[in-house]
Amino acid sequence: MPFLSFLLFVLVSSFTPGPNNFMAMSFANTYGFKKTIKFSLGVSAGFFVLALMCSIFNLLLISILPIIKVPLTILGVGYILYLAYKTLTSKGINNNEKNDETNKNLFLIGVLIQFINPKGILYG
């Protein structure tokens, strides 16, 4: 593996914001700093689980990668377009919904967000 390409990828992926950064900022604004720490711990735990799963499944994918390359490409493009559409058409949170969300488990949200984080999955 080219070492320079790997270092460039690590550098770029370390400093660019992703969904974790935006959600942490949003949760800190909505719930405060102390409750957002649970989310940040969930992000760390989720990324560890994701990296472990990617390591295991990468060994399996090496043998079948030529077969699934085209379907995964189509699925990935469709998913990114879906996320863009949902982002453009979202209406935000009104005050009534904001009060109902205080009971959410931010740690679990932090863990689960890793499984839809494209940058984390690509890193894995």
N, C-alpha and C. Protein backbone atom coordinates (compact mmCIF):
# COMPACT_ATOMS: atom_id res chain seq x y z
N MET A 1 0.85 -1.17 0.00
CA MET A 1 0.00 0.00 0.00
C MET A 1 0.89 1.23 0.00
N PRO A 2 0.57 2.21 -0.86
CA PRO A 2 1.36 3.44 -0.87
C PRO A 2 1.19 4.22 0.44
N PHE A 3 2.29 4.44 1.11
CA PHE A 3 2.26 5.08 2.43
C PHE A 3 1.81 6.54 2.35
N LEU A 4 2.22 7.27 1.32
CA LEU A 4 1.85 8.67 1.17
C LEU A 4 0.34 8.83 0.97
N SER A 5 -0.26 7.95 0.18
CA SER A 5 -1.71 8.00 -0.03
C SER A 5 -2.46 7.74 1.27
N PHE A 6 -1.97 6.80 2.05
CA PHE A 6 -2.60 6.49 3.34
C PHE A 6 -2.51 7.68 4.28
N LEU A 7 -1.34 8.32 4.36
CA LEU A 7 -1.19 9.48 5.25
C LEU A 7 -2.07 10.65 4.80
N LEU A 8 -2.19 10.85 3.50
CA LEU A 8 -3.05 11.90 2.99
C LEU A 8 -4.51 11.64 3.35
N PHE A 9 -4.96 10.40 3.22
CA PHE A 9 -6.32 10.05 3.60
C PHE A 9 -6.56 10.29 5.08
N VAL A 10 -5.63 9.87 5.92
CA VAL A 10 -5.77 10.05 7.37
C VAL A 10 -5.82 11.53 7.72
N LEU A 11 -4.99 12.33 7.08
CA LEU A 11 -4.97 13.77 7.35
C LEU A 11 -6.29 14.42 6.96
N VAL A 12 -6.78 14.12 5.77
CA VAL A 12 -8.03 14.72 5.30
C VAL A 12 -9.21 14.25 6.15
N SER A 13 -9.29 12.97 6.43
CA SER A 13 -10.45 12.46 7.18
C SER A 13 -10.42 12.86 8.65
N SER A 14 -9.28 13.24 9.17
CA SER A 14 -9.20 13.65 10.57
C SER A 14 -9.71 15.07 10.79
N PHE A 15 -9.58 15.93 9.82
CA PHE A 15 -9.90 17.34 10.03
C PHE A 15 -11.15 17.82 9.32
N THR A 16 -11.79 16.99 8.54
CA THR A 16 -13.01 17.42 7.87
C THR A 16 -14.21 17.06 8.75
N PRO A 17 -15.19 17.95 8.84
CA PRO A 17 -16.36 17.65 9.69
C PRO A 17 -17.23 16.57 9.06
N GLY A 18 -17.84 15.79 9.91
CA GLY A 18 -18.75 14.76 9.46
C GLY A 18 -20.04 14.85 10.24
N PRO A 19 -20.90 13.85 10.09
CA PRO A 19 -22.19 13.89 10.79
C PRO A 19 -22.04 13.91 12.31
N ASN A 20 -20.98 13.29 12.83
CA ASN A 20 -20.77 13.29 14.28
C ASN A 20 -20.55 14.71 14.79
N ASN A 21 -19.75 15.48 14.08
CA ASN A 21 -19.47 16.85 14.49
C ASN A 21 -20.72 17.71 14.47
N PHE A 22 -21.49 17.59 13.40
CA PHE A 22 -22.70 18.40 13.28
C PHE A 22 -23.74 18.00 14.31
N MET A 23 -23.89 16.70 14.56
CA MET A 23 -24.86 16.27 15.56
C MET A 23 -24.43 16.67 16.97
N ALA A 24 -23.14 16.57 17.27
CA ALA A 24 -22.65 16.99 18.58
C ALA A 24 -22.90 18.48 18.78
N MET A 25 -22.67 19.27 17.76
CA MET A 25 -22.92 20.70 17.86
C MET A 25 -24.41 20.98 18.07
N SER A 26 -25.25 20.27 17.36
CA SER A 26 -26.68 20.45 17.49
C SER A 26 -27.18 20.01 18.87
N PHE A 27 -26.69 18.85 19.34
CA PHE A 27 -27.10 18.37 20.66
C PHE A 27 -26.60 19.29 21.77
N ALA A 28 -25.40 19.82 21.62
CA ALA A 28 -24.88 20.75 22.64
C ALA A 28 -25.73 22.01 22.68
N ASN A 29 -26.18 22.46 21.54
CA ASN A 29 -27.04 23.64 21.48
C ASN A 29 -28.41 23.35 22.09
N THR A 30 -28.94 22.14 21.85
CA THR A 30 -30.27 21.79 22.32
C THR A 30 -30.28 21.34 23.77
N TYR A 31 -29.36 20.45 24.16
CA TYR A 31 -29.42 19.81 25.48
C TYR A 31 -28.37 20.31 26.46
N GLY A 32 -27.34 20.98 25.99
CA GLY A 32 -26.27 21.44 26.86
C GLY A 32 -25.06 20.52 26.79
N PHE A 33 -23.96 20.99 27.39
CA PHE A 33 -22.68 20.29 27.29
C PHE A 33 -22.69 18.94 28.01
N LYS A 34 -23.24 18.88 29.22
CA LYS A 34 -23.18 17.65 30.01
C LYS A 34 -23.92 16.49 29.35
N LYS A 35 -25.09 16.75 28.79
CA LYS A 35 -25.83 15.67 28.13
C LYS A 35 -25.18 15.26 26.81
N THR A 36 -24.45 16.17 26.19
CA THR A 36 -23.79 15.86 24.92
C THR A 36 -22.58 14.95 25.13
N ILE A 37 -22.03 14.91 26.32
CA ILE A 37 -20.90 14.01 26.60
C ILE A 37 -21.33 12.56 26.38
N LYS A 38 -22.56 12.21 26.73
CA LYS A 38 -23.06 10.85 26.49
C LYS A 38 -23.03 10.53 24.99
N PHE A 39 -23.43 11.50 24.18
CA PHE A 39 -23.40 11.30 22.73
C PHE A 39 -21.97 11.08 22.25
N SER A 40 -21.04 11.88 22.74
CA SER A 40 -19.64 11.76 22.33
C SER A 40 -19.05 10.41 22.73
N LEU A 41 -19.40 9.91 23.92
CA LEU A 41 -18.95 8.58 24.33
C LEU A 41 -19.57 7.50 23.45
N GLY A 42 -20.81 7.70 23.06
CA GLY A 42 -21.47 6.76 22.14
C GLY A 42 -20.81 6.73 20.78
N VAL A 43 -20.39 7.90 20.31
CA VAL A 43 -19.67 7.98 19.02
C VAL A 43 -18.37 7.18 19.10
N SER A 44 -17.65 7.33 20.20
CA SER A 44 -16.39 6.59 20.37
C SER A 44 -16.62 5.09 20.41
N ALA A 45 -17.61 4.66 21.18
CA ALA A 45 -17.92 3.23 21.27
C ALA A 45 -18.40 2.69 19.93
N GLY A 46 -19.24 3.45 19.26
CA GLY A 46 -19.75 3.03 17.95
C GLY A 46 -18.66 2.91 16.91
N PHE A 47 -17.70 3.85 16.93
CA PHE A 47 -16.62 3.78 15.96
C PHE A 47 -15.73 2.57 16.23
N PHE A 48 -15.52 2.23 17.51
CA PHE A 48 -14.73 1.04 17.83
C PHE A 48 -15.42 -0.21 17.28
N VAL A 49 -16.73 -0.32 17.50
CA VAL A 49 -17.49 -1.48 17.00
C VAL A 49 -17.44 -1.51 15.47
N LEU A 50 -17.62 -0.34 14.85
CA LEU A 50 -17.59 -0.28 13.39
C LEU A 50 -16.23 -0.71 12.83
N ALA A 51 -15.15 -0.23 13.44
CA ALA A 51 -13.80 -0.60 12.96
C ALA A 51 -13.55 -2.09 13.14
N LEU A 52 -14.02 -2.65 14.25
CA LEU A 52 -13.87 -4.08 14.48
C LEU A 52 -14.64 -4.89 13.44
N MET A 53 -15.88 -4.48 13.19
CA MET A 53 -16.69 -5.19 12.19
C MET A 53 -16.09 -5.06 10.79
N CYS A 54 -15.61 -3.87 10.45
CA CYS A 54 -15.00 -3.68 9.13
C CYS A 54 -13.76 -4.54 8.96
N SER A 55 -12.97 -4.67 10.01
CA SER A 55 -11.78 -5.51 9.93
C SER A 55 -12.14 -6.96 9.64
N ILE A 56 -13.17 -7.44 10.29
CA ILE A 56 -13.59 -8.83 10.09
C ILE A 56 -14.19 -9.02 8.69
N PHE A 57 -15.09 -8.12 8.30
CA PHE A 57 -15.78 -8.30 7.03
C PHE A 57 -14.91 -7.94 5.83
N ASN A 58 -13.88 -7.14 6.00
CA ASN A 58 -12.97 -6.86 4.89
C ASN A 58 -12.26 -8.13 4.43
N LEU A 59 -11.96 -9.01 5.35
CA LEU A 59 -11.35 -10.28 4.96
C LEU A 59 -12.29 -11.10 4.08
N LEU A 60 -13.59 -11.04 4.38
CA LEU A 60 -14.56 -11.77 3.57
C LEU A 60 -14.79 -11.09 2.22
N LEU A 61 -14.78 -9.76 2.21
CA LEU A 61 -15.05 -9.03 0.97
C LEU A 61 -13.95 -9.17 -0.07
N ILE A 62 -12.75 -9.42 0.37
CA ILE A 62 -11.64 -9.54 -0.57
C ILE A 62 -11.92 -10.64 -1.60
N SER A 63 -12.54 -11.70 -1.15
CA SER A 63 -12.78 -12.81 -2.06
C SER A 63 -13.97 -12.58 -3.00
N ILE A 64 -14.94 -11.76 -2.60
CA ILE A 64 -16.13 -11.58 -3.44
C ILE A 64 -16.27 -10.16 -3.98
N LEU A 65 -15.27 -9.30 -3.82
CA LEU A 65 -15.36 -7.90 -4.23
C LEU A 65 -15.71 -7.69 -5.69
N PRO A 66 -15.14 -8.42 -6.63
CA PRO A 66 -15.51 -8.16 -8.04
C PRO A 66 -17.00 -8.40 -8.31
N ILE A 67 -17.63 -9.28 -7.57
CA ILE A 67 -19.04 -9.59 -7.80
C ILE A 67 -19.94 -8.47 -7.29
N ILE A 68 -19.58 -7.85 -6.17
CA ILE A 68 -20.49 -6.89 -5.55
C ILE A 68 -20.12 -5.43 -5.79
N LYS A 69 -19.12 -5.16 -6.61
CA LYS A 69 -18.68 -3.78 -6.80
C LYS A 69 -19.76 -2.90 -7.44
N VAL A 70 -20.38 -3.35 -8.50
CA VAL A 70 -21.39 -2.55 -9.19
C VAL A 70 -22.64 -2.36 -8.33
N PRO A 71 -23.20 -3.41 -7.71
CA PRO A 71 -24.37 -3.18 -6.86
C PRO A 71 -24.09 -2.24 -5.67
N LEU A 72 -22.91 -2.35 -5.07
CA LEU A 72 -22.59 -1.46 -3.96
C LEU A 72 -22.42 -0.02 -4.43
N THR A 73 -21.88 0.17 -5.61
CA THR A 73 -21.75 1.52 -6.16
C THR A 73 -23.12 2.14 -6.39
N ILE A 74 -24.02 1.39 -6.97
CA ILE A 74 -25.38 1.89 -7.23
C ILE A 74 -26.09 2.17 -5.90
N LEU A 75 -25.96 1.27 -4.94
CA LEU A 75 -26.58 1.47 -3.63
C LEU A 75 -26.00 2.69 -2.93
N GLY A 76 -24.71 2.89 -3.00
CA GLY A 76 -24.06 4.05 -2.37
C GLY A 76 -24.52 5.36 -2.98
N VAL A 77 -24.60 5.42 -4.30
CA VAL A 77 -25.06 6.64 -4.97
C VAL A 77 -26.51 6.92 -4.59
N GLY A 78 -27.33 5.89 -4.57
CA GLY A 78 -28.73 6.06 -4.19
C GLY A 78 -28.88 6.56 -2.76
N TYR A 79 -28.07 6.02 -1.86
CA TYR A 79 -28.14 6.44 -0.46
C TYR A 79 -27.71 7.89 -0.28
N ILE A 80 -26.64 8.30 -0.94
CA ILE A 80 -26.18 9.68 -0.84
C ILE A 80 -27.24 10.63 -1.42
N LEU A 81 -27.87 10.26 -2.54
CA LEU A 81 -28.93 11.09 -3.10
C LEU A 81 -30.14 11.17 -2.17
N TYR A 82 -30.48 10.07 -1.52
CA TYR A 82 -31.57 10.05 -0.55
C TYR A 82 -31.26 10.98 0.62
N LEU A 83 -30.03 10.92 1.16
CA LEU A 83 -29.64 11.81 2.25
C LEU A 83 -29.71 13.27 1.83
N ALA A 84 -29.28 13.57 0.61
CA ALA A 84 -29.34 14.95 0.13
C ALA A 84 -30.79 15.41 0.02
N TYR A 85 -31.67 14.55 -0.49
CA TYR A 85 -33.09 14.89 -0.60
C TYR A 85 -33.71 15.13 0.78
N LYS A 86 -33.43 14.25 1.74
CA LYS A 86 -33.99 14.40 3.09
C LYS A 86 -33.46 15.66 3.77
N THR A 87 -32.21 16.01 3.52
CA THR A 87 -31.64 17.22 4.10
C THR A 87 -32.30 18.46 3.51
N LEU A 88 -32.53 18.46 2.21
CA LEU A 88 -33.15 19.62 1.57
C LEU A 88 -34.61 19.79 1.96
N THR A 89 -35.32 18.70 2.23
CA THR A 89 -36.75 18.79 2.51
C THR A 89 -37.08 18.76 4.00
N SER A 90 -36.09 18.73 4.89
CA SER A 90 -36.38 18.71 6.32
C SER A 90 -36.88 20.07 6.78
N LYS A 91 -37.78 20.04 7.76
CA LYS A 91 -38.38 21.28 8.25
C LYS A 91 -37.78 21.73 9.57
N GLY A 92 -36.92 20.94 10.17
CA GLY A 92 -36.33 21.30 11.45
C GLY A 92 -37.21 20.86 12.61
N ILE A 93 -36.91 21.36 13.80
CA ILE A 93 -37.63 20.98 15.01
C ILE A 93 -38.35 22.21 15.55
N ASN A 94 -39.65 22.05 15.84
CA ASN A 94 -40.33 23.17 16.49
C ASN A 94 -40.23 23.00 18.00
N ASN A 95 -40.67 23.96 18.75
CA ASN A 95 -40.49 23.95 20.21
C ASN A 95 -41.19 22.79 20.89
N ASN A 96 -42.35 22.35 20.40
CA ASN A 96 -43.06 21.23 21.02
C ASN A 96 -42.28 19.93 20.88
N GLU A 97 -41.69 19.70 19.71
CA GLU A 97 -40.90 18.49 19.49
C GLU A 97 -39.62 18.52 20.27
N LYS A 98 -39.05 19.70 20.48
CA LYS A 98 -37.78 19.83 21.20
C LYS A 98 -37.93 19.34 22.64
N ASN A 99 -39.05 19.62 23.27
CA ASN A 99 -39.28 19.19 24.65
C ASN A 99 -39.46 17.68 24.74
N ASP A 100 -40.03 17.07 23.72
CA ASP A 100 -40.24 15.62 23.73
C ASP A 100 -38.95 14.85 23.55
N GLU A 101 -37.93 15.46 22.97
CA GLU A 101 -36.69 14.75 22.66
C GLU A 101 -35.71 14.69 23.83
N THR A 102 -36.03 15.28 24.97
CA THR A 102 -35.08 15.30 26.08
C THR A 102 -34.91 13.92 26.71
N ASN A 103 -35.82 13.00 26.44
CA ASN A 103 -35.74 11.66 27.01
C ASN A 103 -34.97 10.68 26.13
N LYS A 104 -34.43 11.12 25.02
CA LYS A 104 -33.72 10.22 24.11
C LYS A 104 -32.39 9.78 24.71
N ASN A 105 -31.99 8.57 24.38
CA ASN A 105 -30.72 8.02 24.83
C ASN A 105 -29.63 8.48 23.86
N LEU A 106 -28.89 9.52 24.26
CA LEU A 106 -27.89 10.10 23.37
C LEU A 106 -26.71 9.16 23.14
N PHE A 107 -26.39 8.30 24.12
CA PHE A 107 -25.31 7.33 23.93
C PHE A 107 -25.65 6.36 22.80
N LEU A 108 -26.87 5.84 22.81
CA LEU A 108 -27.31 4.91 21.77
C LEU A 108 -27.34 5.59 20.40
N ILE A 109 -27.77 6.83 20.36
CA ILE A 109 -27.76 7.58 19.10
C ILE A 109 -26.33 7.72 18.59
N GLY A 110 -25.38 8.00 19.50
CA GLY A 110 -23.98 8.12 19.10
C GLY A 110 -23.41 6.83 18.55
N VAL A 111 -23.80 5.70 19.14
CA VAL A 111 -23.33 4.40 18.64
C VAL A 111 -23.93 4.12 17.27
N LEU A 112 -25.23 4.32 17.13
CA LEU A 112 -25.91 3.95 15.88
C LEU A 112 -25.56 4.88 14.72
N ILE A 113 -25.21 6.13 15.01
CA ILE A 113 -24.88 7.06 13.92
C ILE A 113 -23.63 6.60 13.17
N GLN A 114 -22.78 5.81 13.80
CA GLN A 114 -21.57 5.35 13.13
C GLN A 114 -21.87 4.44 11.95
N PHE A 115 -23.00 3.76 11.99
CA PHE A 115 -23.32 2.81 10.94
C PHE A 115 -23.91 3.48 9.69
N ILE A 116 -24.14 4.80 9.75
CA ILE A 116 -24.53 5.55 8.56
C ILE A 116 -23.54 6.65 8.25
N ASN A 117 -22.40 6.62 8.92
CA ASN A 117 -21.35 7.63 8.73
C ASN A 117 -20.43 7.17 7.59
N PRO A 118 -20.57 7.77 6.40
CA PRO A 118 -19.75 7.30 5.27
C PRO A 118 -18.25 7.41 5.51
N LYS A 119 -17.81 8.47 6.18
CA LYS A 119 -16.37 8.65 6.42
C LYS A 119 -15.85 7.56 7.36
N GLY A 120 -16.61 7.23 8.38
CA GLY A 120 -16.19 6.17 9.30
C GLY A 120 -16.15 4.81 8.62
N ILE A 121 -17.12 4.56 7.78
CA ILE A 121 -17.17 3.27 7.06
C ILE A 121 -16.00 3.18 6.08
N LEU A 122 -15.72 4.27 5.36
CA LEU A 122 -14.58 4.26 4.44
C LEU A 122 -13.27 4.08 5.19
N TYR A 123 -13.15 4.70 6.35
CA TYR A 123 -11.94 4.54 7.15
C TYR A 123 -11.78 3.08 7.57
N GLY A 124 -12.89 2.46 7.99
CA GLY A 124 -12.85 1.04 8.37
C GLY A 124 -12.50 0.16 7.21
